[in-house]
Amino acid sequence: MKAHDHELRLSETNSADDSDGRTWGLDGNLFWFVAGGLVAFVATLLFLFSVFQVNFFTSLVIASLPLIAALIYVFIFRQGKPPAYDLDLIDYWINGRGFSPALSNKSCHPLTDHVAH
């Protein structure tokens, strides 16, 4: 046998280009939403407690709302979902069904007996 018959053959692939990566365990750029929620949380807490001198517990509750909203958005509507899932869901809530066959409650199987009501 020739020496070159057992050589390992390498070929270029672009599989790394298909992934947007992960940061903090979140897909793609979703960590920016969480980071933005954290910045809004800290800024709101500082303004409410220091500048407006609101009770700390009340400031904490109010300041946590942007962070909670960001976490809900990321983990319910984006993480692990297909691209544009959130936009499609909002469109569905506003406009209802898109172009699709009309579904009825009656059985439409061709082998079932149809009885006129």
C-alpha atoms as a PDB file:
ATOM      1  CA  MET A   1       0.000   0.000   0.000  1.00  0.00           C
ATOM      2  CA  LYS A   2       1.073   3.505  -0.651  1.00  0.00           C
ATOM      3  CA  ALA A   3       1.616   5.934   2.215  1.00  0.00           C
ATOM      4  CA  HIS A   4      -0.848   8.473   0.860  1.00  0.00           C
ATOM      5  CA  ASP A   5      -3.745   5.943   0.924  1.00  0.00           C
ATOM      6  CA  HIS A   6      -4.059   6.328   4.687  1.00  0.00           C
ATOM      7  CA  GLU A   7      -3.831  10.105   4.900  1.00  0.00           C
ATOM      8  CA  LEU A   8      -6.529  11.953   6.747  1.00  0.00           C
ATOM      9  CA  ARG A   9      -8.517  14.028   4.329  1.00  0.00           C
ATOM     10  CA  LEU A  10      -9.582  17.481   5.516  1.00  0.00           C
ATOM     11  CA  SER A  11     -12.143  19.698   3.858  1.00  0.00           C
ATOM     12  CA  GLU A  12     -13.281  23.214   4.634  1.00  0.00           C
ATOM     13  CA  THR A  13     -16.754  23.686   6.091  1.00  0.00           C
ATOM     14  CA  ASN A  14     -18.691  26.757   7.075  1.00  0.00           C
ATOM     15  CA  SER A  15     -20.624  25.212   9.954  1.00  0.00           C
ATOM     16  CA  ALA A  16     -19.399  27.843  12.407  1.00  0.00           C
ATOM     17  CA  ASP A  17     -21.004  30.555  10.280  1.00  0.00           C
ATOM     18  CA  ASP A  18     -24.483  29.102  10.899  1.00  0.00           C
ATOM     19  CA  SER A  19     -24.490  29.852  14.628  1.00  0.00           C
ATOM     20  CA  ASP A  20     -24.980  33.259  16.225  1.00  0.00           C
ATOM     21  CA  GLY A  21     -23.190  31.929  19.305  1.00  0.00           C
ATOM     22  CA  ARG A  22     -24.169  32.012  22.954  1.00  0.00           C
ATOM     23  CA  THR A  23     -23.473  34.509  25.721  1.00  0.00           C
ATOM     24  CA  TRP A  24     -24.503  33.903  29.346  1.00  0.00           C
ATOM     25  CA  GLY A  25     -26.289  30.782  28.058  1.00  0.00           C
ATOM     26  CA  LEU A  26     -28.538  32.870  25.816  1.00  0.00           C
ATOM     27  CA  ASP A  27     -28.813  32.429  22.057  1.00  0.00           C
ATOM     28  CA  GLY A  28     -27.403  35.065  19.728  1.00  0.00           C
ATOM     29  CA  ASN A  29     -27.630  38.618  20.994  1.00  0.00           C
ATOM     30  CA  LEU A  30     -30.351  38.019  23.598  1.00  0.00           C
ATOM     31  CA  PHE A  31     -27.964  38.918  26.397  1.00  0.00           C
ATOM     32  CA  TRP A  32     -28.280  42.569  25.294  1.00  0.00           C
ATOM     33  CA  PHE A  33     -31.929  42.558  26.384  1.00  0.00           C
ATOM     34  CA  VAL A  34     -30.964  41.204  29.808  1.00  0.00           C
ATOM     35  CA  ALA A  35     -28.058  43.669  30.083  1.00  0.00           C
ATOM     36  CA  GLY A  36     -30.405  46.516  29.136  1.00  0.00           C
ATOM     37  CA  GLY A  37     -32.871  45.349  31.783  1.00  0.00           C
ATOM     38  CA  LEU A  38     -30.080  45.336  34.363  1.00  0.00           C
ATOM     39  CA  VAL A  39     -28.981  48.860  33.413  1.00  0.00           C
ATOM     40  CA  ALA A  40     -32.576  50.105  33.563  1.00  0.00           C
ATOM     41  CA  PHE A  41     -32.987  48.374  36.943  1.00  0.00           C
ATOM     42  CA  VAL A  42     -29.897  50.021  38.461  1.00  0.00           C
ATOM     43  CA  ALA A  43     -30.646  53.464  36.980  1.00  0.00           C
ATOM     44  CA  THR A  44     -34.273  53.404  38.119  1.00  0.00           C
ATOM     45  CA  LEU A  45     -33.310  52.191  41.588  1.00  0.00           C
ATOM     46  CA  LEU A  46     -30.710  54.956  41.955  1.00  0.00           C
ATOM     47  CA  PHE A  47     -33.049  57.689  40.747  1.00  0.00           C
ATOM     48  CA  LEU A  48     -36.001  56.598  42.859  1.00  0.00           C
ATOM     49  CA  PHE A  49     -34.057  55.961  46.055  1.00  0.00           C
ATOM     50  CA  SER A  50     -31.383  58.661  45.877  1.00  0.00           C
ATOM     51  CA  VAL A  51     -32.873  61.517  43.863  1.00  0.00           C
ATOM     52  CA  PHE A  52     -36.586  61.210  44.661  1.00  0.00           C
ATOM     53  CA  GLN A  53     -35.996  59.612  48.102  1.00  0.00           C
ATOM     54  CA  VAL A  54     -38.651  56.951  47.689  1.00  0.00           C
ATOM     55  CA  ASN A  55     -38.679  54.102  50.229  1.00  0.00           C
ATOM     56  CA  PHE A  56     -36.018  51.496  49.307  1.00  0.00           C
ATOM     57  CA  PHE A  57     -38.460  48.577  49.111  1.00  0.00           C
ATOM     58  CA  THR A  58     -40.833  50.570  46.896  1.00  0.00           C
ATOM     59  CA  SER A  59     -37.892  51.676  44.735  1.00  0.00           C
ATOM     60  CA  LEU A  60     -36.729  48.075  44.465  1.00  0.00           C
ATOM     61  CA  VAL A  61     -40.157  46.845  43.370  1.00  0.00           C
ATOM     62  CA  ILE A  62     -40.611  49.595  40.779  1.00  0.00           C
ATOM     63  CA  ALA A  63     -37.028  49.288  39.489  1.00  0.00           C
ATOM     64  CA  SER A  64     -37.379  45.532  39.038  1.00  0.00           C
ATOM     65  CA  LEU A  65     -40.165  45.944  36.466  1.00  0.00           C
ATOM     66  CA  PRO A  66     -37.876  46.626  33.446  1.00  0.00           C
ATOM     67  CA  LEU A  67     -35.641  43.691  34.403  1.00  0.00           C
ATOM     68  CA  ILE A  68     -38.615  41.372  34.816  1.00  0.00           C
ATOM     69  CA  ALA A  69     -40.041  42.550  31.471  1.00  0.00           C
ATOM     70  CA  ALA A  70     -36.703  41.880  29.742  1.00  0.00           C
ATOM     71  CA  LEU A  71     -36.425  38.410  31.299  1.00  0.00           C
ATOM     72  CA  ILE A  72     -39.991  37.519  30.327  1.00  0.00           C
ATOM     73  CA  TYR A  73     -39.388  38.700  26.771  1.00  0.00           C
ATOM     74  CA  VAL A  74     -36.159  36.744  26.438  1.00  0.00           C
ATOM     75  CA  PHE A  75     -37.197  33.473  28.075  1.00  0.00           C
ATOM     76  CA  ILE A  76     -40.819  33.268  26.901  1.00  0.00           C
ATOM     77  CA  PHE A  77     -40.700  34.819  23.450  1.00  0.00           C
ATOM     78  CA  ARG A  78     -37.136  34.419  22.140  1.00  0.00           C
ATOM     79  CA  GLN A  79     -34.882  31.818  23.828  1.00  0.00           C
ATOM     80  CA  GLY A  80     -35.047  28.528  21.934  1.00  0.00           C
ATOM     81  CA  LYS A  81     -37.708  29.791  19.533  1.00  0.00           C
ATOM     82  CA  PRO A  82     -37.452  30.135  15.747  1.00  0.00           C
ATOM     83  CA  PRO A  83     -36.376  33.493  14.283  1.00  0.00           C
ATOM     84  CA  ALA A  84     -39.148  36.133  14.322  1.00  0.00           C
ATOM     85  CA  TYR A  85     -41.325  33.985  16.615  1.00  0.00           C
ATOM     86  CA  ASP A  86     -42.133  37.032  18.745  1.00  0.00           C
ATOM     87  CA  LEU A  87     -43.144  39.121  15.729  1.00  0.00           C
ATOM     88  CA  ASP A  88     -45.260  36.313  14.300  1.00  0.00           C
ATOM     89  CA  LEU A  89     -46.987  35.862  17.650  1.00  0.00           C
ATOM     90  CA  ILE A  90     -47.797  39.575  17.921  1.00  0.00           C
ATOM     91  CA  ASP A  91     -49.088  39.543  14.343  1.00  0.00           C
ATOM     92  CA  TYR A  92     -51.263  36.542  15.189  1.00  0.00           C
ATOM     93  CA  TRP A  93     -52.664  38.295  18.280  1.00  0.00           C
ATOM     94  CA  ILE A  94     -53.492  41.428  16.279  1.00  0.00           C
ATOM     95  CA  ASN A  95     -54.661  39.994  12.947  1.00  0.00           C
ATOM     96  CA  GLY A  96     -55.700  36.471  13.846  1.00  0.00           C
ATOM     97  CA  ARG A  97     -55.026  33.637  11.453  1.00  0.00           C
ATOM     98  CA  GLY A  98     -53.176  34.320   8.282  1.00  0.00           C
ATOM     99  CA  PHE A  99     -53.731  32.580   4.988  1.00  0.00           C
ATOM    100  CA  SER A 100     -54.636  29.014   5.871  1.00  0.00           C
ATOM    101  CA  PRO A 101     -57.358  26.501   5.151  1.00  0.00           C
ATOM    102  CA  ALA A 102     -60.531  27.019   7.146  1.00  0.00           C
ATOM    103  CA  LEU A 103     -60.788  24.468   9.926  1.00  0.00           C
ATOM    104  CA  SER A 104     -64.179  23.253  11.024  1.00  0.00           C
ATOM    105  CA  ASN A 105     -65.287  21.204  13.989  1.00  0.00           C
ATOM    106  CA  LYS A 106     -66.794  18.559  11.680  1.00  0.00           C
ATOM    107  CA  SER A 107     -64.852  15.520  10.623  1.00  0.00           C
ATOM    108  CA  CYS A 108     -63.571  16.008   7.089  1.00  0.00           C
ATOM    109  CA  HIS A 109     -62.026  12.594   6.598  1.00  0.00           C
ATOM    110  CA  PRO A 110     -63.136  11.181   3.220  1.00  0.00           C
ATOM    111  CA  LEU A 111     -63.761   7.700   4.627  1.00  0.00           C
ATOM    112  CA  THR A 112     -66.167   8.790   7.365  1.00  0.00           C
ATOM    113  CA  ASP A 113     -69.908   8.666   6.934  1.00  0.00           C
ATOM    114  CA  HIS A 114     -71.380  12.113   6.361  1.00  0.00           C
ATOM    115  CA  VAL A 115     -74.826  12.545   7.784  1.00  0.00           C
ATOM    116  CA  ALA A 116     -76.764  15.651   6.847  1.00  0.00           C
ATOM    117  CA  HIS A 117     -77.982  17.552   9.877  1.00  0.00           C
END
